[in-house]
Amino acid sequence: MTWIDCGPQHLEAIRLIFNEAIEHTTAMYDYDPRSPEFMQTWWQAKQAGAYPVIGVLSDSGELMGFASYGPFRNFPAYQFTVEHSVYVDQRFRGLGLGRHLLERTMTASETQGYHTMIGVIDTGNTISISLHEKLGFQRCGEILHVGFKFDRWLDVVLYQKILPAAPNSKG
């Protein structure tokens, strides 16, 4: 395995991982598969915000999974808080990649001076919930019936991790 900073050449593999999650899971509360054009816009937003996209390649060069983060909410006082996401290709789940991706994402966000990471997780995703708890995230809320997918209402739990970074206040 090789850990990488993903580049534009990885967008198609990222798109396929996203689309599998959209079509078959409640990890993403979306209905429509991502298009190549959508991915270009997504990539440009990551670059503009200096948000890394961390990936892991198999020995044969396949993208096994990726993680990133972005703004939690677009108001100035939230500038030191990010919301993260971690996705592992279905063929490579169960290998501990999610843990390593999340740990690397936590390190990257702390290095950039962020103070709080937020995870928004479907309540049915017990694997992700367990992972967050093992890495020191604290459950800080639950929102019922916030999404509707696969003909049912979906609930989310919010997890947060306070990072050691102590940014200077702009407010």
Protein backbone atom coordinates (compact mmCIF):
# COMPACT_ATOMS: atom_id res chain seq x y z
CA MET A 1 0.00 0.00 0.00
CA THR A 2 1.06 3.55 -0.70
CA TRP A 3 -0.34 6.66 0.98
CA ILE A 4 -0.78 9.60 -1.39
CA ASP A 5 -2.15 13.06 -1.77
CA CYS A 6 -4.73 12.48 -4.48
CA GLY A 7 -4.49 14.48 -7.65
CA PRO A 8 -6.78 15.09 -10.63
CA GLN A 9 -5.72 11.74 -12.05
CA HIS A 10 -7.59 10.05 -9.17
CA LEU A 11 -10.93 11.77 -9.77
CA GLU A 12 -12.44 8.93 -11.77
CA ALA A 13 -11.60 6.38 -9.07
CA ILE A 14 -12.97 8.74 -6.41
CA ARG A 15 -16.12 9.21 -8.50
CA LEU A 16 -16.65 5.44 -8.69
CA ILE A 17 -16.25 5.08 -4.91
CA PHE A 18 -18.69 7.95 -4.34
CA ASN A 19 -21.20 6.48 -6.77
CA GLU A 20 -21.15 3.05 -5.13
CA ALA A 21 -21.87 4.74 -1.79
CA ILE A 22 -24.68 6.82 -3.29
CA GLU A 23 -26.33 3.88 -5.04
CA HIS A 24 -26.00 1.21 -2.34
CA THR A 25 -25.49 2.78 1.10
CA THR A 26 -26.68 5.49 3.43
CA ALA A 27 -23.13 6.79 3.85
CA MET A 28 -24.14 9.59 1.47
CA TYR A 29 -27.57 11.17 1.55
CA ASP A 30 -27.66 11.73 -2.17
CA TYR A 31 -29.66 10.19 -5.00
CA ASP A 32 -27.79 11.04 -8.18
CA PRO A 33 -24.44 9.54 -9.14
CA ARG A 34 -21.58 11.99 -9.48
CA SER A 35 -20.72 13.04 -13.02
CA PRO A 36 -17.20 13.81 -14.24
CA GLU A 37 -18.22 17.48 -14.37
CA PHE A 38 -19.39 17.38 -10.76
CA MET A 39 -16.05 15.87 -9.77
CA GLN A 40 -14.17 18.70 -11.46
CA THR A 41 -16.14 21.25 -9.45
CA TRP A 42 -15.62 19.19 -6.26
CA TRP A 43 -11.87 19.05 -6.94
CA GLN A 44 -11.66 22.79 -7.61
CA ALA A 45 -13.41 23.50 -4.30
CA LYS A 46 -10.94 21.24 -2.46
CA GLN A 47 -8.03 23.03 -4.09
CA ALA A 48 -9.44 26.51 -3.46
CA GLY A 49 -9.92 25.75 0.23
CA ALA A 50 -6.56 23.95 0.58
CA TYR A 51 -8.43 20.84 1.75
CA PRO A 52 -6.32 17.74 1.12
CA VAL A 53 -7.69 14.57 -0.42
CA ILE A 54 -5.72 11.75 1.16
CA GLY A 55 -5.69 8.39 -0.59
CA VAL A 56 -4.28 4.93 -0.37
CA LEU A 57 -3.21 2.91 -3.41
CA SER A 58 -2.97 -0.86 -3.67
CA ASP A 59 0.28 -2.45 -4.79
CA SER A 60 -1.23 -2.57 -8.29
CA GLY A 61 -2.00 1.17 -8.22
CA GLU A 62 -5.77 1.05 -7.56
CA LEU A 63 -7.27 3.70 -5.29
CA MET A 64 -8.49 1.70 -2.30
CA GLY A 65 -10.01 4.63 -0.43
CA PHE A 66 -9.77 8.34 0.27
CA ALA A 67 -10.59 10.91 2.92
CA SER A 68 -10.96 14.65 2.99
CA TYR A 69 -12.56 17.48 4.87
CA GLY A 70 -14.13 20.81 4.19
CA PRO A 71 -15.98 23.60 5.92
CA PHE A 72 -18.47 22.60 8.58
CA ARG A 73 -20.61 25.68 7.96
CA ASN A 74 -19.87 28.72 5.87
CA PHE A 75 -19.87 31.40 8.55
CA PRO A 76 -16.71 33.12 9.80
CA ALA A 77 -16.94 31.90 13.40
CA TYR A 78 -16.80 28.28 12.17
CA GLN A 79 -13.47 28.84 10.40
CA PHE A 80 -11.57 26.48 12.74
CA THR A 81 -14.04 23.61 12.39
CA VAL A 82 -14.10 21.08 9.55
CA GLU A 83 -16.38 18.22 8.60
CA HIS A 84 -14.61 15.14 7.33
CA SER A 85 -15.51 12.20 5.15
CA VAL A 86 -13.86 8.81 4.65
CA TYR A 87 -14.71 6.37 1.86
CA VAL A 88 -13.22 2.94 1.20
CA ASP A 89 -13.83 1.05 -2.05
CA GLN A 90 -16.15 -1.85 -1.29
CA ARG A 91 -13.49 -4.34 -2.46
CA PHE A 92 -11.10 -3.18 0.25
CA ARG A 93 -13.35 -2.76 3.27
CA GLY A 94 -12.46 -4.56 6.48
CA LEU A 95 -8.70 -4.02 6.12
CA GLY A 96 -8.42 -1.12 8.58
CA LEU A 97 -8.04 1.48 5.84
CA GLY A 98 -10.82 3.67 7.22
CA ARG A 99 -8.97 4.03 10.51
CA HIS A 100 -5.71 5.00 8.82
CA LEU A 101 -7.46 7.44 6.50
CA LEU A 102 -9.27 9.11 9.39
CA GLU A 103 -6.07 9.31 11.46
CA ARG A 104 -4.22 10.93 8.56
CA THR A 105 -7.09 13.35 8.04
CA MET A 106 -7.01 14.29 11.72
CA THR A 107 -3.27 14.95 11.51
CA ALA A 108 -3.62 17.03 8.34
CA SER A 109 -6.41 19.17 9.78
CA GLU A 110 -4.48 19.76 13.00
CA THR A 111 -1.39 20.72 11.00
CA GLN A 112 -3.51 23.28 9.13
CA GLY A 113 -4.61 24.82 12.43
CA TYR A 114 -8.14 23.45 12.68
CA HIS A 115 -9.45 22.97 16.20
CA THR A 116 -12.52 20.77 15.79
CA MET A 117 -13.44 17.93 13.44
CA ILE A 118 -17.06 16.93 12.91
CA GLY A 119 -18.35 13.62 11.61
CA VAL A 120 -21.97 13.29 10.51
CA ILE A 121 -22.82 9.59 10.44
CA ASP A 122 -25.94 7.64 9.54
CA THR A 123 -27.15 5.90 12.71
CA GLY A 124 -27.13 2.57 10.88
CA ASN A 125 -23.40 2.85 10.13
CA THR A 126 -22.23 1.11 13.30
CA ILE A 127 -18.76 0.46 11.86
CA SER A 128 -18.14 4.17 11.35
CA ILE A 129 -19.59 5.03 14.75
CA SER A 130 -17.29 2.49 16.42
CA LEU A 131 -14.27 3.80 14.51
CA HIS A 132 -14.94 7.37 15.57
CA GLU A 133 -15.35 6.34 19.20
CA LYS A 134 -12.08 4.35 19.11
CA LEU A 135 -10.27 7.43 17.80
CA GLY A 136 -11.57 9.65 20.60
CA PHE A 137 -14.50 11.34 18.89
CA GLN A 138 -17.35 12.18 21.24
CA ARG A 139 -21.00 11.82 20.33
CA CYS A 140 -22.46 15.30 20.54
CA GLY A 141 -25.89 15.05 18.95
CA GLU A 142 -28.50 13.20 16.97
CA ILE A 143 -30.90 14.47 14.34
CA LEU A 144 -33.94 12.31 13.60
CA HIS A 145 -35.59 11.96 10.20
CA VAL A 146 -33.12 14.34 8.56
CA GLY A 147 -32.84 12.31 5.35
CA PHE A 148 -35.06 10.13 3.20
CA LYS A 149 -33.50 7.40 1.10
CA PHE A 150 -34.36 3.84 0.10
CA ASP A 151 -38.01 4.54 1.03
CA ARG A 152 -37.30 5.25 4.68
CA TRP A 153 -36.43 8.11 7.03
CA LEU A 154 -32.80 8.33 8.08
CA ASP A 155 -31.24 9.64 11.27
CA VAL A 156 -27.72 10.94 11.83
CA VAL A 157 -25.43 11.18 14.81
CA LEU A 158 -22.85 13.91 15.15
CA TYR A 159 -19.38 13.16 16.47
CA GLN A 160 -16.69 15.69 17.25
CA LYS A 161 -13.02 15.62 18.11
CA ILE A 162 -11.28 18.59 19.68
CA LEU A 163 -7.79 18.81 18.21
CA PRO A 164 -4.79 20.20 20.10
CA ALA A 165 -4.40 23.03 17.59
CA ALA A 166 -5.03 26.41 19.20
CA PRO A 167 -5.73 28.89 16.39
CA ASN A 168 -5.63 32.61 16.81
CA SER A 169 -9.09 34.10 16.99
CA LYS A 170 -10.17 36.39 14.19
CA GLY A 171 -13.35 37.40 15.96
